[in-house]
Amino acid sequence: MDSPAEHVVVDNPERRRFEVRMGRRVLGWAAYEQTPQMLVFTHTEVSPKWEHRGLGSLLVRTTLDHARRQGLQVLPMCPFVRAWIYRHPDYADLVHQPPAADGRPPTAAGPADDAVV
């Protein structure tokens, strides 16, 4: 297995994705749409040759750390990102919770609880 130090995650805003790279080679990416308050993750992919080496986790963790530093919420439309956050509840606070249908903020028993994650 390659050393994690060989891999770097960079934002490629022109392509609207974060990329995990080894040197100049792109091994995987997490596509996103961005608003002033939120990153919406739409798709995550790692090259089949590089799957099961922890690159997807490195990619998601790094992008969520970026969102936290920027004060952004996230909307994990991508099933991989959604499942990763579910397995790492210390990132659940980043997930956007839409208000209830009546406009009230979500509560512990509110309908938004199962909306995302």
C-alpha atoms as a PDB file:
ATOM      1  CA  MET A   1       0.000   0.000   0.000  1.00  0.00           C
ATOM      2  CA  ASP A   2       1.181   3.516  -0.724  1.00  0.00           C
ATOM      3  CA  SER A   3       2.007   5.897   2.070  1.00  0.00           C
ATOM      4  CA  PRO A   4      -0.778   8.418   2.790  1.00  0.00           C
ATOM      5  CA  ALA A   5       1.902  11.113   2.626  1.00  0.00           C
ATOM      6  CA  GLU A   6       2.150  10.404  -1.108  1.00  0.00           C
ATOM      7  CA  HIS A   7      -1.468  11.460  -1.591  1.00  0.00           C
ATOM      8  CA  VAL A   8      -2.749  15.003  -1.456  1.00  0.00           C
ATOM      9  CA  VAL A   9      -6.294  16.366  -1.719  1.00  0.00           C
ATOM     10  CA  VAL A  10      -6.737  19.617  -3.631  1.00  0.00           C
ATOM     11  CA  ASP A  11      -9.721  21.727  -4.586  1.00  0.00           C
ATOM     12  CA  ASN A  12     -10.180  22.077  -8.345  1.00  0.00           C
ATOM     13  CA  PRO A  13     -12.874  24.799  -8.484  1.00  0.00           C
ATOM     14  CA  GLU A  14     -12.833  24.948 -12.300  1.00  0.00           C
ATOM     15  CA  ARG A  15     -14.074  21.343 -12.369  1.00  0.00           C
ATOM     16  CA  ARG A  16     -16.111  21.784  -9.149  1.00  0.00           C
ATOM     17  CA  ARG A  17     -14.462  18.897  -7.403  1.00  0.00           C
ATOM     18  CA  PHE A  18     -11.899  17.989  -4.793  1.00  0.00           C
ATOM     19  CA  GLU A  19      -9.274  15.630  -6.176  1.00  0.00           C
ATOM     20  CA  VAL A  20      -7.021  13.128  -4.452  1.00  0.00           C
ATOM     21  CA  ARG A  21      -3.725  13.065  -6.311  1.00  0.00           C
ATOM     22  CA  MET A  22      -0.445  11.256  -6.296  1.00  0.00           C
ATOM     23  CA  GLY A  23       1.943  13.614  -7.993  1.00  0.00           C
ATOM     24  CA  ARG A  24       0.079  14.963 -11.014  1.00  0.00           C
ATOM     25  CA  ARG A  25      -2.098  11.873 -11.328  1.00  0.00           C
ATOM     26  CA  VAL A  26      -5.760  12.169 -10.234  1.00  0.00           C
ATOM     27  CA  LEU A  27      -6.791   8.999  -8.388  1.00  0.00           C
ATOM     28  CA  GLY A  28     -10.273  10.077  -7.323  1.00  0.00           C
ATOM     29  CA  TRP A  29     -12.585  13.016  -6.793  1.00  0.00           C
ATOM     30  CA  ALA A  30     -15.598  14.340  -4.943  1.00  0.00           C
ATOM     31  CA  ALA A  31     -17.802  16.508  -7.156  1.00  0.00           C
ATOM     32  CA  TYR A  32     -19.657  19.401  -5.554  1.00  0.00           C
ATOM     33  CA  GLU A  33     -21.828  22.430  -6.105  1.00  0.00           C
ATOM     34  CA  GLN A  34     -21.189  25.406  -3.851  1.00  0.00           C
ATOM     35  CA  THR A  35     -23.381  28.162  -2.507  1.00  0.00           C
ATOM     36  CA  PRO A  36     -22.188  30.913  -0.153  1.00  0.00           C
ATOM     37  CA  GLN A  37     -23.258  28.797   2.847  1.00  0.00           C
ATOM     38  CA  MET A  38     -22.997  25.197   1.654  1.00  0.00           C
ATOM     39  CA  LEU A  39     -21.119  22.484  -0.232  1.00  0.00           C
ATOM     40  CA  VAL A  40     -23.438  19.986  -1.927  1.00  0.00           C
ATOM     41  CA  PHE A  41     -21.600  16.715  -2.616  1.00  0.00           C
ATOM     42  CA  THR A  42     -23.049  15.091  -5.723  1.00  0.00           C
ATOM     43  CA  HIS A  43     -20.676  12.241  -6.606  1.00  0.00           C
ATOM     44  CA  THR A  44     -17.507  10.611  -5.330  1.00  0.00           C
ATOM     45  CA  GLU A  45     -15.324   8.309  -7.358  1.00  0.00           C
ATOM     46  CA  VAL A  46     -11.983   6.566  -6.899  1.00  0.00           C
ATOM     47  CA  SER A  47     -10.266   4.883  -9.824  1.00  0.00           C
ATOM     48  CA  PRO A  48     -10.905   1.112  -9.616  1.00  0.00           C
ATOM     49  CA  LYS A  49      -7.164   0.458  -9.458  1.00  0.00           C
ATOM     50  CA  TRP A  50      -6.970   2.595  -6.298  1.00  0.00           C
ATOM     51  CA  GLU A  51     -10.110   1.417  -4.479  1.00  0.00           C
ATOM     52  CA  HIS A  52      -9.946  -0.089  -0.967  1.00  0.00           C
ATOM     53  CA  ARG A  53      -6.809   1.843  -0.025  1.00  0.00           C
ATOM     54  CA  GLY A  54      -8.468   4.505   2.108  1.00  0.00           C
ATOM     55  CA  LEU A  55      -8.399   7.197  -0.577  1.00  0.00           C
ATOM     56  CA  GLY A  56     -12.167   7.742  -0.476  1.00  0.00           C
ATOM     57  CA  SER A  57     -11.983   8.309   3.274  1.00  0.00           C
ATOM     58  CA  LEU A  58      -8.995  10.624   2.896  1.00  0.00           C
ATOM     59  CA  LEU A  59     -10.901  12.574   0.255  1.00  0.00           C
ATOM     60  CA  VAL A  60     -14.113  12.928   2.263  1.00  0.00           C
ATOM     61  CA  ARG A  61     -12.368  13.732   5.557  1.00  0.00           C
ATOM     62  CA  THR A  62     -10.243  16.414   3.891  1.00  0.00           C
ATOM     63  CA  THR A  63     -13.206  18.012   2.103  1.00  0.00           C
ATOM     64  CA  LEU A  64     -15.295  18.050   5.282  1.00  0.00           C
ATOM     65  CA  ASP A  65     -12.389  19.578   7.216  1.00  0.00           C
ATOM     66  CA  HIS A  66     -12.239  22.254   4.494  1.00  0.00           C
ATOM     67  CA  ALA A  67     -15.983  22.911   4.862  1.00  0.00           C
ATOM     68  CA  ARG A  68     -15.587  23.243   8.633  1.00  0.00           C
ATOM     69  CA  ARG A  69     -12.702  25.730   8.285  1.00  0.00           C
ATOM     70  CA  GLN A  70     -14.751  27.785   5.807  1.00  0.00           C
ATOM     71  CA  GLY A  71     -17.853  27.766   8.029  1.00  0.00           C
ATOM     72  CA  LEU A  72     -19.881  25.871   5.418  1.00  0.00           C
ATOM     73  CA  GLN A  73     -22.644  23.354   5.909  1.00  0.00           C
ATOM     74  CA  VAL A  74     -22.691  20.265   3.707  1.00  0.00           C
ATOM     75  CA  LEU A  75     -25.473  18.462   1.895  1.00  0.00           C
ATOM     76  CA  PRO A  76     -24.300  14.900   1.136  1.00  0.00           C
ATOM     77  CA  MET A  77     -26.358  13.902  -1.902  1.00  0.00           C
ATOM     78  CA  CYS A  78     -23.626  11.379  -2.743  1.00  0.00           C
ATOM     79  CA  PRO A  79     -24.317   8.043  -1.002  1.00  0.00           C
ATOM     80  CA  PHE A  80     -20.618   7.496  -0.229  1.00  0.00           C
ATOM     81  CA  VAL A  81     -20.282  10.861   1.531  1.00  0.00           C
ATOM     82  CA  ARG A  82     -23.592  10.346   3.359  1.00  0.00           C
ATOM     83  CA  ALA A  83     -22.505   6.879   4.594  1.00  0.00           C
ATOM     84  CA  TRP A  84     -19.055   8.173   5.588  1.00  0.00           C
ATOM     85  CA  ILE A  85     -20.594  10.920   7.731  1.00  0.00           C
ATOM     86  CA  TYR A  86     -22.942   8.378   9.313  1.00  0.00           C
ATOM     87  CA  ARG A  87     -19.910   6.282  10.314  1.00  0.00           C
ATOM     88  CA  HIS A  88     -18.066   9.381  11.611  1.00  0.00           C
ATOM     89  CA  PRO A  89     -20.635  11.248  13.746  1.00  0.00           C
ATOM     90  CA  ASP A  90     -18.085  13.891  14.726  1.00  0.00           C
ATOM     91  CA  TYR A  91     -18.832  15.402  11.292  1.00  0.00           C
ATOM     92  CA  ALA A  92     -22.645  15.240  11.595  1.00  0.00           C
ATOM     93  CA  ASP A  93     -22.806  18.844  12.818  1.00  0.00           C
ATOM     94  CA  LEU A  94     -21.801  19.985   9.317  1.00  0.00           C
ATOM     95  CA  VAL A  95     -24.854  18.422   7.662  1.00  0.00           C
ATOM     96  CA  HIS A  96     -27.502  20.893   6.558  1.00  0.00           C
ATOM     97  CA  GLN A  97     -30.857  20.231   8.198  1.00  0.00           C
ATOM     98  CA  PRO A  98     -33.680  21.897   6.276  1.00  0.00           C
ATOM     99  CA  PRO A  99     -36.414  23.581   8.303  1.00  0.00           C
ATOM    100  CA  ALA A 100     -39.669  21.747   8.888  1.00  0.00           C
ATOM    101  CA  ALA A 101     -42.466  22.223   6.358  1.00  0.00           C
ATOM    102  CA  ASP A 102     -44.012  24.839   8.635  1.00  0.00           C
ATOM    103  CA  GLY A 103     -40.769  26.855   8.602  1.00  0.00           C
ATOM    104  CA  ARG A 104     -39.709  26.009  12.143  1.00  0.00           C
ATOM    105  CA  PRO A 105     -36.118  24.882  12.712  1.00  0.00           C
ATOM    106  CA  PRO A 106     -35.662  21.106  12.980  1.00  0.00           C
ATOM    107  CA  THR A 107     -35.942  19.584  16.439  1.00  0.00           C
ATOM    108  CA  ALA A 108     -34.767  16.281  17.875  1.00  0.00           C
ATOM    109  CA  ALA A 109     -38.135  14.772  16.965  1.00  0.00           C
ATOM    110  CA  GLY A 110     -38.729  16.849  13.851  1.00  0.00           C
ATOM    111  CA  PRO A 111     -39.255  15.656  10.297  1.00  0.00           C
ATOM    112  CA  ALA A 112     -35.821  16.866   9.198  1.00  0.00           C
ATOM    113  CA  ASP A 113     -34.053  14.288  11.379  1.00  0.00           C
ATOM    114  CA  ASP A 114     -34.110  11.649   8.679  1.00  0.00           C
ATOM    115  CA  ALA A 115     -33.830  14.066   5.758  1.00  0.00           C
ATOM    116  CA  VAL A 116     -30.071  13.623   5.402  1.00  0.00           C
ATOM    117  CA  VAL A 117     -27.567  11.204   6.967  1.00  0.00           C
END
